């Protein structure tokens, strides 16, 4: 099995490394960070470049292609927009995921095999908007609930479109849905070496292929 990941800096989740790296090529996962990208406008602003990068990495129709975005949406944009627009968290999450899935459906219509991975939980740090290079909006409880909503929407749409969905979120929170920060490199990026067993376990359980 080969899985190619393109998106923002969180492609590093699949690198197997304990450092952030912009590009990697491993036995199972290969990926590249294309820079700042969010889920909401991925189809309009980032899909074309992503297709070029997938090809540069060597992805073809025999492999799985995954888009890695959503962490900053859940940590910042979605709760902020819900408050600004006076909408429920559920409605803004649903809209965002449906917009992201236009890219997955595009891939599938082209004969490519997409695969969707869960978002991971957000930092336990509290609301902090002083440094907009690392904005954190709302409480961790609200943000992680948004992550749960996100993953449920992704799972439901994946099922409806016959796209594999792999979740590893559940291993990174405690019984109160609080993030286990020991699995992180910094305030928002995961330590891939620590979480890779959860990802590989999810792939094995999925029945896609024995790896």
N, C-alpha and C. Protein backbone atom coordinates (compact mmCIF):
# COMPACT_ATOMS: atom_id res chain seq x y z
N UNK A 1 0.84 -1.19 0.00
CA UNK A 1 0.00 0.00 0.00
C UNK A 1 0.87 1.24 0.00
N UNK A 2 0.56 2.19 -0.87
CA UNK A 2 1.23 3.49 -0.88
C UNK A 2 0.16 4.55 -0.66
N UNK A 3 0.44 5.49 0.25
CA UNK A 3 -0.47 6.59 0.55
C UNK A 3 0.29 7.89 0.40
N UNK A 4 -0.23 8.78 -0.41
CA UNK A 4 0.39 10.08 -0.65
C UNK A 4 -0.44 11.17 0.02
N UNK A 5 0.24 12.02 0.78
CA UNK A 5 -0.42 13.06 1.56
C UNK A 5 0.07 14.43 1.12
N UNK A 6 -0.86 15.31 0.78
CA UNK A 6 -0.52 16.68 0.40
C UNK A 6 -1.44 17.61 1.18
N UNK A 7 -0.88 18.70 1.68
CA UNK A 7 -1.68 19.66 2.43
C UNK A 7 -0.79 20.65 3.14
N UNK A 8 -1.23 21.08 4.31
CA UNK A 8 -0.43 22.05 5.07
C UNK A 8 0.61 21.32 5.92
N UNK A 9 1.17 22.00 6.90
CA UNK A 9 2.28 21.43 7.67
C UNK A 9 1.92 20.16 8.41
N UNK A 10 0.64 19.86 8.54
CA UNK A 10 0.23 18.64 9.26
C UNK A 10 0.39 17.37 8.42
N UNK A 11 0.89 17.50 7.19
CA UNK A 11 1.29 16.28 6.48
C UNK A 11 2.36 15.55 7.27
N UNK A 12 3.08 16.32 8.11
CA UNK A 12 4.12 15.71 8.92
C UNK A 12 3.59 14.63 9.85
N UNK A 13 2.29 14.64 10.11
CA UNK A 13 1.67 13.59 10.92
C UNK A 13 2.00 12.21 10.38
N UNK A 14 2.24 12.10 9.08
CA UNK A 14 2.42 10.82 8.43
C UNK A 14 3.88 10.54 8.05
N UNK A 15 4.80 11.34 8.55
CA UNK A 15 6.21 11.21 8.18
C UNK A 15 6.94 10.13 8.94
N UNK A 16 6.46 9.79 10.13
CA UNK A 16 7.18 8.85 10.99
C UNK A 16 8.35 9.48 11.72
N UNK A 17 8.47 10.80 11.65
CA UNK A 17 9.61 11.51 12.24
C UNK A 17 9.21 12.26 13.51
N UNK A 18 10.23 12.60 14.29
CA UNK A 18 10.03 13.40 15.50
C UNK A 18 10.40 14.86 15.27
N UNK A 19 10.51 15.24 14.02
CA UNK A 19 10.77 16.63 13.66
C UNK A 19 9.80 17.00 12.54
N UNK A 20 9.62 18.31 12.32
CA UNK A 20 8.79 18.76 11.20
C UNK A 20 9.61 18.70 9.92
N UNK A 21 9.02 18.13 8.88
CA UNK A 21 9.69 18.04 7.60
C UNK A 21 8.70 18.39 6.50
N UNK A 22 9.16 19.12 5.50
CA UNK A 22 8.25 19.59 4.45
C UNK A 22 7.96 18.51 3.41
N UNK A 23 8.87 17.56 3.25
CA UNK A 23 8.65 16.49 2.29
C UNK A 23 9.27 15.21 2.81
N UNK A 24 8.62 14.08 2.55
CA UNK A 24 9.15 12.78 2.96
C UNK A 24 8.64 11.72 2.00
N UNK A 25 9.43 10.67 1.85
CA UNK A 25 9.06 9.52 1.02
C UNK A 25 9.46 8.27 1.78
N UNK A 26 8.46 7.53 2.24
CA UNK A 26 8.69 6.32 3.02
C UNK A 26 8.03 5.13 2.33
N UNK A 27 8.14 3.97 2.94
CA UNK A 27 7.59 2.76 2.33
C UNK A 27 6.09 2.85 2.11
N UNK A 28 5.38 3.36 3.11
CA UNK A 28 3.92 3.45 3.02
C UNK A 28 3.49 4.88 2.69
N UNK A 29 3.99 5.85 3.46
CA UNK A 29 3.55 7.23 3.31
C UNK A 29 4.59 8.09 2.62
N UNK A 30 4.13 8.91 1.71
CA UNK A 30 4.93 9.99 1.14
C UNK A 30 4.09 11.25 1.22
N UNK A 31 4.74 12.40 1.44
CA UNK A 31 3.95 13.61 1.57
C UNK A 31 4.74 14.87 1.34
N UNK A 32 4.01 15.96 1.15
CA UNK A 32 4.64 17.26 1.00
C UNK A 32 3.73 18.35 1.54
N UNK A 33 4.34 19.27 2.24
CA UNK A 33 3.68 20.47 2.76
C UNK A 33 3.67 21.52 1.65
N UNK A 34 2.49 21.97 1.24
CA UNK A 34 2.40 22.99 0.19
C UNK A 34 2.21 24.38 0.78
N UNK A 35 2.35 24.50 2.09
CA UNK A 35 2.22 25.81 2.73
C UNK A 35 0.86 25.98 3.39
N UNK A 36 0.58 27.21 3.79
CA UNK A 36 -0.66 27.50 4.51
C UNK A 36 -1.87 27.14 3.65
N UNK A 37 -2.69 26.26 4.15
CA UNK A 37 -3.91 25.85 3.45
C UNK A 37 -4.96 25.49 4.48
N UNK A 38 -6.18 25.92 4.21
CA UNK A 38 -7.29 25.58 5.09
C UNK A 38 -8.31 24.76 4.31
N UNK A 39 -9.15 24.08 5.03
CA UNK A 39 -10.11 23.18 4.40
C UNK A 39 -11.20 23.93 3.65
N UNK A 40 -11.62 25.07 4.19
CA UNK A 40 -12.82 25.74 3.65
C UNK A 40 -12.68 26.07 2.17
N UNK A 41 -11.52 26.58 1.77
CA UNK A 41 -11.36 26.97 0.37
C UNK A 41 -10.35 26.11 -0.37
N UNK A 42 -10.16 24.88 0.10
CA UNK A 42 -9.13 24.03 -0.50
C UNK A 42 -9.41 23.75 -1.97
N UNK A 43 -10.64 23.46 -2.30
CA UNK A 43 -11.01 23.13 -3.67
C UNK A 43 -10.71 24.30 -4.60
N UNK A 44 -11.02 25.50 -4.17
CA UNK A 44 -10.86 26.68 -5.02
C UNK A 44 -9.41 27.15 -5.11
N UNK A 45 -8.66 27.05 -4.02
CA UNK A 45 -7.35 27.69 -3.96
C UNK A 45 -6.16 26.74 -3.96
N UNK A 46 -6.34 25.48 -3.62
CA UNK A 46 -5.19 24.60 -3.41
C UNK A 46 -5.24 23.27 -4.17
N UNK A 47 -6.37 22.91 -4.72
CA UNK A 47 -6.46 21.60 -5.36
C UNK A 47 -5.56 21.51 -6.58
N UNK A 48 -5.55 22.52 -7.42
CA UNK A 48 -4.75 22.47 -8.64
C UNK A 48 -3.27 22.26 -8.32
N UNK A 49 -2.74 23.02 -7.37
CA UNK A 49 -1.35 22.85 -6.97
C UNK A 49 -1.13 21.47 -6.35
N UNK A 50 -2.09 21.01 -5.56
CA UNK A 50 -1.97 19.70 -4.93
C UNK A 50 -1.85 18.58 -5.96
N UNK A 51 -2.61 18.68 -7.03
CA UNK A 51 -2.55 17.66 -8.08
C UNK A 51 -1.15 17.61 -8.69
N UNK A 52 -0.54 18.75 -8.87
CA UNK A 52 0.82 18.80 -9.40
C UNK A 52 1.79 18.13 -8.43
N UNK A 53 1.63 18.40 -7.14
CA UNK A 53 2.54 17.85 -6.13
C UNK A 53 2.35 16.34 -6.00
N UNK A 54 1.12 15.87 -6.04
CA UNK A 54 0.89 14.42 -6.01
C UNK A 54 1.69 13.73 -7.12
N UNK A 55 1.62 14.29 -8.33
CA UNK A 55 2.33 13.70 -9.46
C UNK A 55 3.84 13.78 -9.25
N UNK A 56 4.33 14.90 -8.70
CA UNK A 56 5.76 15.05 -8.44
C UNK A 56 6.25 14.01 -7.42
N UNK A 57 5.40 13.67 -6.48
CA UNK A 57 5.75 12.67 -5.47
C UNK A 57 5.71 11.24 -6.02
N UNK A 58 5.08 11.06 -7.18
CA UNK A 58 4.98 9.73 -7.77
C UNK A 58 3.66 9.04 -7.57
N UNK A 59 2.64 9.78 -7.11
CA UNK A 59 1.32 9.17 -6.91
C UNK A 59 0.70 8.82 -8.24
N UNK A 60 0.02 7.68 -8.28
CA UNK A 60 -0.70 7.27 -9.48
C UNK A 60 -2.00 6.58 -9.07
N UNK A 61 -2.70 6.02 -10.03
CA UNK A 61 -4.02 5.44 -9.75
C UNK A 61 -3.95 4.14 -8.95
N UNK A 62 -2.75 3.62 -8.72
CA UNK A 62 -2.62 2.41 -7.91
C UNK A 62 -2.43 2.74 -6.44
N UNK A 63 -2.31 4.03 -6.10
CA UNK A 63 -2.07 4.44 -4.73
C UNK A 63 -3.27 5.20 -4.18
N UNK A 64 -3.22 5.48 -2.88
CA UNK A 64 -4.25 6.30 -2.22
C UNK A 64 -3.73 7.73 -2.08
N UNK A 65 -4.64 8.68 -2.26
CA UNK A 65 -4.30 10.10 -2.16
C UNK A 65 -5.11 10.72 -1.01
N UNK A 66 -4.43 11.47 -0.14
CA UNK A 66 -5.11 12.08 1.00
C UNK A 66 -4.77 13.56 1.09
N UNK A 67 -5.75 14.35 1.49
CA UNK A 67 -5.60 15.79 1.68
C UNK A 67 -5.53 16.07 3.18
N UNK A 68 -4.46 16.70 3.61
CA UNK A 68 -4.24 16.90 5.04
C UNK A 68 -4.45 18.37 5.40
N UNK A 69 -5.64 18.69 5.80
CA UNK A 69 -6.02 20.03 6.25
C UNK A 69 -7.10 19.88 7.32
N UNK A 70 -7.35 20.96 8.05
CA UNK A 70 -8.45 20.95 9.00
C UNK A 70 -8.09 21.33 10.42
N UNK A 71 -6.81 21.15 10.81
CA UNK A 71 -6.45 21.45 12.19
C UNK A 71 -6.66 22.92 12.53
N UNK A 72 -6.16 23.81 11.66
CA UNK A 72 -6.32 25.23 11.96
C UNK A 72 -7.78 25.66 11.82
N UNK A 73 -8.54 24.98 10.96
CA UNK A 73 -9.97 25.26 10.86
C UNK A 73 -10.64 25.01 12.21
N UNK A 74 -10.34 23.85 12.82
CA UNK A 74 -10.98 23.48 14.08
C UNK A 74 -10.44 24.30 15.26
N UNK A 75 -9.18 24.66 15.20
CA UNK A 75 -8.57 25.41 16.31
C UNK A 75 -8.95 26.89 16.29
N UNK A 76 -9.26 27.42 15.11
CA UNK A 76 -9.40 28.87 15.00
C UNK A 76 -10.59 29.30 14.14
N UNK A 77 -10.57 28.96 12.86
CA UNK A 77 -11.53 29.54 11.92
C UNK A 77 -12.98 29.16 12.22
N UNK A 78 -13.25 27.90 12.50
CA UNK A 78 -14.64 27.46 12.63
C UNK A 78 -15.33 28.03 13.86
N UNK A 79 -14.72 27.96 15.06
CA UNK A 79 -15.42 28.58 16.20
C UNK A 79 -15.54 30.09 16.06
N UNK A 80 -14.52 30.73 15.46
CA UNK A 80 -14.60 32.18 15.24
C UNK A 80 -15.74 32.52 14.29
N UNK A 81 -15.85 31.80 13.18
CA UNK A 81 -16.91 32.08 12.22
C UNK A 81 -18.29 31.77 12.78
N UNK A 82 -18.38 30.72 13.57
CA UNK A 82 -19.68 30.41 14.19
C UNK A 82 -20.14 31.57 15.05
N UNK A 83 -19.22 32.16 15.82
CA UNK A 83 -19.58 33.29 16.67
C UNK A 83 -19.88 34.53 15.84
N UNK A 84 -19.03 34.81 14.86
CA UNK A 84 -19.22 36.00 14.04
C UNK A 84 -20.52 35.96 13.24
N UNK A 85 -20.87 34.76 12.75
CA UNK A 85 -22.07 34.61 11.92
C UNK A 85 -23.30 34.23 12.74
N UNK A 86 -23.11 34.07 14.06
CA UNK A 86 -24.19 33.68 14.96
C UNK A 86 -24.86 32.38 14.47
N UNK A 87 -24.01 31.41 14.20
CA UNK A 87 -24.47 30.09 13.75
C UNK A 87 -24.00 29.04 14.75
N UNK A 88 -24.55 27.86 14.65
CA UNK A 88 -24.11 26.77 15.52
C UNK A 88 -22.78 26.21 15.02
N UNK A 89 -22.02 25.63 15.93
CA UNK A 89 -20.79 24.96 15.54
C UNK A 89 -21.09 23.85 14.54
N UNK A 90 -22.19 23.14 14.76
CA UNK A 90 -22.55 22.04 13.86
C UNK A 90 -22.72 22.51 12.43
N UNK A 91 -23.35 23.65 12.23
CA UNK A 91 -23.64 24.10 10.87
C UNK A 91 -22.37 24.56 10.15
N UNK A 92 -21.47 25.26 10.87
CA UNK A 92 -20.26 25.73 10.19
C UNK A 92 -19.31 24.56 9.90
N UNK A 93 -19.27 23.59 10.79
CA UNK A 93 -18.43 22.41 10.53
C UNK A 93 -18.96 21.64 9.32
N UNK A 94 -20.26 21.43 9.29
CA UNK A 94 -20.86 20.69 8.17
C UNK A 94 -20.57 21.38 6.85
N UNK A 95 -20.73 22.70 6.81
CA UNK A 95 -20.47 23.44 5.58
C UNK A 95 -19.02 23.30 5.15
N UNK A 96 -18.09 23.41 6.10
CA UNK A 96 -16.67 23.35 5.78
C UNK A 96 -16.28 21.97 5.26
N UNK A 97 -16.74 20.93 5.92
CA UNK A 97 -16.39 19.57 5.49
C UNK A 97 -16.98 19.27 4.12
N UNK A 98 -18.20 19.72 3.88
CA UNK A 98 -18.80 19.49 2.56
C UNK A 98 -18.01 20.21 1.47
N UNK A 99 -17.49 21.39 1.77
CA UNK A 99 -16.67 22.11 0.80
C UNK A 99 -15.35 21.37 0.56
N UNK A 100 -14.73 20.88 1.62
CA UNK A 100 -13.51 20.10 1.46
C UNK A 100 -13.74 18.86 0.61
N UNK A 101 -14.87 18.22 0.80
CA UNK A 101 -15.14 16.96 0.11
C UNK A 101 -15.35 17.14 -1.38
N UNK A 102 -15.53 18.37 -1.85
CA UNK A 102 -15.56 18.58 -3.30
C UNK A 102 -14.24 18.13 -3.92
N UNK A 103 -13.15 18.31 -3.19
CA UNK A 103 -11.84 17.88 -3.69
C UNK A 103 -11.73 16.37 -3.72
N UNK A 104 -12.22 15.71 -2.66
CA UNK A 104 -12.17 14.24 -2.64
C UNK A 104 -13.05 13.65 -3.75
N UNK A 105 -14.20 14.24 -3.95
CA UNK A 105 -15.10 13.74 -5.00
C UNK A 105 -14.47 13.97 -6.38
N UNK A 106 -13.78 15.09 -6.56
CA UNK A 106 -13.07 15.35 -7.80
C UNK A 106 -12.06 14.25 -8.07
N UNK A 107 -11.27 13.89 -7.05
CA UNK A 107 -10.29 12.82 -7.20
C UNK A 107 -10.95 11.51 -7.60
N UNK A 108 -12.01 11.17 -6.89
CA UNK A 108 -12.68 9.90 -7.16
C UNK A 108 -13.25 9.88 -8.57
N UNK A 109 -13.80 10.98 -9.02
CA UNK A 109 -14.36 11.05 -10.37
C UNK A 109 -13.28 10.91 -11.44
N UNK A 110 -12.02 11.20 -11.07
CA UNK A 110 -10.90 11.05 -12.00
C UNK A 110 -10.30 9.64 -11.97
N UNK A 111 -10.93 8.74 -11.22
CA UNK A 111 -10.43 7.37 -11.14
C UNK A 111 -9.33 7.18 -10.12
N UNK A 112 -9.12 8.19 -9.26
CA UNK A 112 -8.12 8.12 -8.20
C UNK A 112 -8.77 7.58 -6.94
N UNK A 113 -7.98 6.92 -6.09
CA UNK A 113 -8.50 6.35 -4.84
C UNK A 113 -8.17 7.29 -3.68
N UNK A 114 -9.13 8.12 -3.25
CA UNK A 114 -8.87 8.98 -2.10
C UNK A 114 -9.02 8.21 -0.79
N UNK A 115 -8.37 8.71 0.24
CA UNK A 115 -8.52 8.16 1.58
C UNK A 115 -8.57 9.34 2.55
N UNK A 116 -9.47 9.28 3.51
CA UNK A 116 -9.68 10.38 4.46
C UNK A 116 -9.23 9.95 5.85
N UNK A 117 -8.40 10.76 6.47
CA UNK A 117 -7.98 10.52 7.85
C UNK A 117 -8.66 11.53 8.77
N UNK A 118 -8.88 11.11 10.00
CA UNK A 118 -9.50 12.00 10.98
C UNK A 118 -8.60 13.20 11.26
N UNK A 119 -9.21 14.27 11.72
CA UNK A 119 -8.45 15.38 12.27
C UNK A 119 -7.95 14.94 13.65
N UNK A 120 -6.90 15.57 14.13
CA UNK A 120 -6.46 15.26 15.50
C UNK A 120 -6.95 16.36 16.45
N UNK A 121 -6.98 16.09 17.75
CA UNK A 121 -7.50 17.08 18.70
C UNK A 121 -6.60 18.31 18.77
N UNK A 122 -7.16 19.39 19.31
CA UNK A 122 -6.42 20.65 19.39
C UNK A 122 -5.70 20.77 20.73
N UNK A 123 -4.85 21.78 20.80
CA UNK A 123 -4.07 22.04 22.00
C UNK A 123 -4.95 22.25 23.24
N UNK A 124 -4.38 21.95 24.39
CA UNK A 124 -5.09 22.23 25.65
C UNK A 124 -4.91 23.67 26.09
N UNK A 125 -4.10 24.44 25.37
CA UNK A 125 -3.96 25.86 25.70
C UNK A 125 -5.31 26.56 25.57
N UNK A 126 -5.48 27.59 26.38
CA UNK A 126 -6.72 28.34 26.34
C UNK A 126 -6.75 29.36 25.22
N UNK A 127 -7.86 30.08 25.14
CA UNK A 127 -8.07 31.12 24.13
C UNK A 127 -6.90 32.09 24.13
N UNK A 128 -6.31 32.31 22.94
CA UNK A 128 -5.17 33.22 22.83
C UNK A 128 -5.12 33.77 21.42
N UNK A 129 -5.43 35.06 21.29
CA UNK A 129 -5.45 35.69 19.97
C UNK A 129 -4.41 36.81 19.87
N UNK A 130 -3.48 36.85 20.81
CA UNK A 130 -2.47 37.90 20.79
C UNK A 130 -1.46 37.70 19.67
N UNK A 131 -1.11 36.45 19.40
CA UNK A 131 -0.16 36.13 18.34
C UNK A 131 -0.92 35.45 17.22
N UNK A 132 -1.20 36.16 16.14
CA UNK A 132 -2.01 35.61 15.06
C UNK A 132 -1.24 34.64 14.17
N UNK A 133 0.04 34.41 14.50
CA UNK A 133 0.78 33.34 13.82
C UNK A 133 0.44 31.98 14.43
N UNK A 134 -0.16 32.01 15.62
CA UNK A 134 -0.59 30.77 16.28
C UNK A 134 -1.89 31.03 17.06
N UNK A 135 -2.93 31.45 16.36
CA UNK A 135 -4.18 31.80 17.06
C UNK A 135 -4.88 30.58 17.64
N UNK A 136 -5.49 30.78 18.79
CA UNK A 136 -6.25 29.72 19.46
C UNK A 136 -7.56 30.36 19.90
N UNK A 137 -8.67 29.88 19.37
CA UNK A 137 -9.96 30.53 19.64
C UNK A 137 -10.85 29.63 20.48
N UNK A 138 -11.31 30.17 21.58
CA UNK A 138 -12.25 29.44 22.43
C UNK A 138 -11.57 28.46 23.36
N UNK A 139 -12.38 27.75 24.11
CA UNK A 139 -11.86 26.78 25.08
C UNK A 139 -11.47 25.49 24.39
N UNK A 140 -10.60 24.71 25.04
CA UNK A 140 -10.23 23.42 24.45
C UNK A 140 -11.45 22.50 24.37
N UNK A 141 -12.36 22.63 25.35
CA UNK A 141 -13.56 21.79 25.31
C UNK A 141 -14.37 22.03 24.03
N UNK A 142 -14.56 23.31 23.71
CA UNK A 142 -15.33 23.63 22.50
C UNK A 142 -14.58 23.19 21.25
N UNK A 143 -13.30 23.49 21.20
CA UNK A 143 -12.52 23.13 20.01
C UNK A 143 -12.50 21.62 19.78
N UNK A 144 -12.32 20.85 20.83
CA UNK A 144 -12.29 19.40 20.64
C UNK A 144 -13.67 18.83 20.32
N UNK A 145 -14.71 19.50 20.79
CA UNK A 145 -16.06 19.09 20.36
C UNK A 145 -16.23 19.36 18.87
N UNK A 146 -15.67 20.47 18.40
CA UNK A 146 -15.69 20.75 16.96
C UNK A 146 -14.93 19.66 16.20
N UNK A 147 -13.83 19.20 16.76
CA UNK A 147 -13.09 18.09 16.13
C UNK A 147 -13.96 16.84 16.02
N UNK A 148 -14.73 16.56 17.06
CA UNK A 148 -15.63 15.40 17.02
C UNK A 148 -16.68 15.57 15.93
N UNK A 149 -17.24 16.77 15.83
CA UNK A 149 -18.21 17.05 14.78
C UNK A 149 -17.57 16.89 13.40
N UNK A 150 -16.36 17.40 13.27
CA UNK A 150 -15.61 17.29 12.01
C UNK A 150 -15.44 15.84 11.59
N UNK A 151 -14.96 15.03 12.53
CA UNK A 151 -14.69 13.64 12.20
C UNK A 151 -15.97 12.87 11.87
N UNK A 152 -17.06 13.20 12.55
CA UNK A 152 -18.33 12.54 12.24
C UNK A 152 -18.80 12.91 10.84
N UNK A 153 -18.67 14.19 10.48
CA UNK A 153 -19.05 14.61 9.13
C UNK A 153 -18.18 13.91 8.08
N UNK A 154 -16.88 13.84 8.34
CA UNK A 154 -15.97 13.17 7.41
C UNK A 154 -16.32 11.69 7.28
N UNK A 155 -16.60 11.06 8.39
CA UNK A 155 -16.95 9.64 8.35
C UNK A 155 -18.23 9.41 7.57
N UNK A 156 -19.24 10.24 7.82
CA UNK A 156 -20.53 10.07 7.13
C UNK A 156 -20.39 10.31 5.63
N UNK A 157 -19.68 11.36 5.24
CA UNK A 157 -19.52 11.65 3.82
C UNK A 157 -18.65 10.59 3.14
N UNK A 158 -17.64 10.11 3.85
CA UNK A 158 -16.80 9.05 3.29
C UNK A 158 -17.62 7.80 3.03
N UNK A 159 -18.46 7.44 3.98
CA UNK A 159 -19.31 6.26 3.82
C UNK A 159 -20.25 6.45 2.64
N UNK A 160 -20.84 7.63 2.52
CA UNK A 160 -21.79 7.90 1.44
C UNK A 160 -21.11 7.85 0.07
N UNK A 161 -19.83 8.23 0.01
CA UNK A 161 -19.10 8.28 -1.26
C UNK A 161 -18.19 7.07 -1.46
N UNK A 162 -18.28 6.09 -0.57
CA UNK A 162 -17.47 4.87 -0.66
C UNK A 162 -15.98 5.21 -0.68
N UNK A 163 -15.58 6.06 0.26
CA UNK A 163 -14.19 6.45 0.43
C UNK A 163 -13.73 5.96 1.81
N UNK A 164 -12.57 5.33 1.91
CA UNK A 164 -12.10 4.86 3.22
C UNK A 164 -11.89 6.03 4.19
N UNK A 165 -12.30 5.83 5.44
CA UNK A 165 -12.09 6.81 6.50
C UNK A 165 -11.35 6.12 7.64
N UNK A 166 -10.23 6.70 8.04
CA UNK A 166 -9.40 6.12 9.10
C UNK A 166 -9.31 7.11 10.25
N UNK A 167 -9.72 6.70 11.44
CA UNK A 167 -9.67 7.57 12.60
C UNK A 167 -8.58 7.13 13.57
N UNK A 168 -7.78 8.11 14.02
CA UNK A 168 -6.83 7.87 15.11
C UNK A 168 -7.03 8.88 16.24
N UNK A 169 -8.04 9.73 16.09
CA UNK A 169 -8.34 10.78 17.08
C UNK A 169 -8.53 10.19 18.47
N UNK A 170 -9.24 9.07 18.55
CA UNK A 170 -9.65 8.51 19.83
C UNK A 170 -8.47 8.13 20.72
N UNK A 171 -7.30 7.91 20.14
CA UNK A 171 -6.13 7.54 20.92
C UNK A 171 -5.41 8.76 21.51
N UNK A 172 -5.80 9.94 21.08
CA UNK A 172 -5.09 11.15 21.46
C UNK A 172 -5.85 12.02 22.44
N UNK A 173 -6.94 11.49 23.00
CA UNK A 173 -7.72 12.19 24.02
C UNK A 173 -8.00 11.25 25.18
N UNK A 174 -8.28 11.83 26.34
CA UNK A 174 -8.65 11.01 27.49
C UNK A 174 -10.16 10.84 27.54
N UNK A 175 -10.66 10.31 28.64
CA UNK A 175 -12.09 10.04 28.77
C UNK A 175 -12.96 11.27 28.77
N UNK A 176 -12.35 12.44 28.99
CA UNK A 176 -13.09 13.70 28.96
C UNK A 176 -12.89 14.46 27.64
N UNK A 177 -12.35 13.78 26.65
CA UNK A 177 -12.07 14.38 25.34
C UNK A 177 -11.01 15.47 25.43
N UNK A 178 -10.15 15.38 26.44
CA UNK A 178 -9.05 16.33 26.59
C UNK A 178 -7.81 15.79 25.90
N UNK A 179 -7.14 16.63 25.17
CA UNK A 179 -5.99 16.23 24.37
C UNK A 179 -4.83 15.73 25.23
N UNK A 180 -4.21 14.64 24.82
CA UNK A 180 -3.00 14.13 25.45
C UNK A 180 -1.81 14.79 24.76
N UNK A 181 -1.33 15.86 25.35
CA UNK A 181 -0.30 16.67 24.70
C UNK A 181 1.04 15.96 24.62
N UNK A 182 1.22 14.84 25.30
CA UNK A 182 2.48 14.11 25.20
C UNK A 182 2.71 13.53 23.80
N UNK A 183 1.66 13.55 22.97
CA UNK A 183 1.81 13.06 21.59
C UNK A 183 2.12 14.19 20.60
N UNK A 184 2.40 15.37 21.10
CA UNK A 184 2.63 16.54 20.24
C UNK A 184 4.10 16.95 20.23
N UNK A 185 4.52 17.54 19.10
CA UNK A 185 5.84 18.15 18.98
C UNK A 185 5.83 19.57 19.53
N UNK A 186 4.74 20.28 19.31
CA UNK A 186 4.58 21.66 19.76
C UNK A 186 3.12 21.87 20.10
N UNK A 187 2.64 23.09 20.05
CA UNK A 187 1.26 23.35 20.47
C UNK A 187 0.22 22.77 19.51
N UNK A 188 0.61 22.48 18.24
CA UNK A 188 -0.41 22.01 17.30
C UNK A 188 0.00 20.83 16.43
N UNK A 189 1.31 20.55 16.29
CA UNK A 189 1.76 19.46 15.42
C UNK A 189 2.02 18.19 16.22
N UNK A 190 1.58 17.08 15.64
CA UNK A 190 1.78 15.79 16.29
C UNK A 190 3.22 15.29 16.12
N UNK A 191 3.64 14.48 17.08
CA UNK A 191 4.89 13.74 16.96
C UNK A 191 4.58 12.47 16.17
N UNK A 192 4.96 12.46 14.91
CA UNK A 192 4.55 11.36 14.03
C UNK A 192 5.08 10.01 14.49
N UNK A 193 6.29 9.99 15.03
CA UNK A 193 6.84 8.71 15.48
C UNK A 193 5.98 8.09 16.58
N UNK A 194 5.42 8.95 17.45
CA UNK A 194 4.59 8.45 18.54
C UNK A 194 3.20 8.01 18.09
N UNK A 195 2.65 8.71 17.08
CA UNK A 195 1.26 8.41 16.69
C UNK A 195 1.17 7.44 15.52
N UNK A 196 2.28 7.16 14.86
CA UNK A 196 2.23 6.27 13.71
C UNK A 196 1.64 4.89 14.04
N UNK A 197 1.92 4.30 15.21
CA UNK A 197 1.27 3.01 15.51
C UNK A 197 -0.25 3.09 15.50
N UNK A 198 -0.82 4.21 15.92
CA UNK A 198 -2.28 4.36 15.89
C UNK A 198 -2.79 4.44 14.45
N UNK A 199 -2.04 5.15 13.60
CA UNK A 199 -2.44 5.28 12.20
C UNK A 199 -2.35 3.94 11.50
N UNK A 200 -1.26 3.22 11.70
CA UNK A 200 -1.10 1.91 11.06
C UNK A 200 -2.13 0.92 11.58
N UNK A 201 -2.45 1.02 12.88
CA UNK A 201 -3.48 0.17 13.43
C UNK A 201 -4.83 0.43 12.80
N UNK A 202 -5.14 1.70 12.58
CA UNK A 202 -6.39 2.05 11.92
C UNK A 202 -6.46 1.52 10.51
N UNK A 203 -5.35 1.58 9.79
CA UNK A 203 -5.31 1.04 8.44
C UNK A 203 -5.53 -0.47 8.44
N UNK A 204 -4.90 -1.15 9.38
CA UNK A 204 -5.08 -2.60 9.46
C UNK A 204 -6.52 -2.98 9.77
N UNK A 205 -7.13 -2.23 10.69
CA UNK A 205 -8.52 -2.53 11.05
C UNK A 205 -9.50 -2.23 9.92
N UNK A 206 -9.09 -1.34 9.03
CA UNK A 206 -10.00 -0.93 7.95
C UNK A 206 -10.24 -2.04 6.95
N UNK A 207 -9.32 -2.99 6.89
CA UNK A 207 -9.47 -4.05 5.90
C UNK A 207 -9.01 -3.67 4.51
N UNK A 208 -8.42 -2.48 4.37
CA UNK A 208 -7.95 -2.07 3.05
C UNK A 208 -6.87 -3.01 2.54
N UNK A 209 -5.90 -3.23 3.41
CA UNK A 209 -4.77 -4.08 3.03
C UNK A 209 -3.99 -4.40 4.29
N UNK A 210 -3.46 -5.58 4.36
CA UNK A 210 -2.67 -5.96 5.52
C UNK A 210 -1.28 -5.35 5.39
N UNK A 211 -0.89 -4.47 6.31
CA UNK A 211 0.39 -3.78 6.19
C UNK A 211 1.28 -4.08 7.38
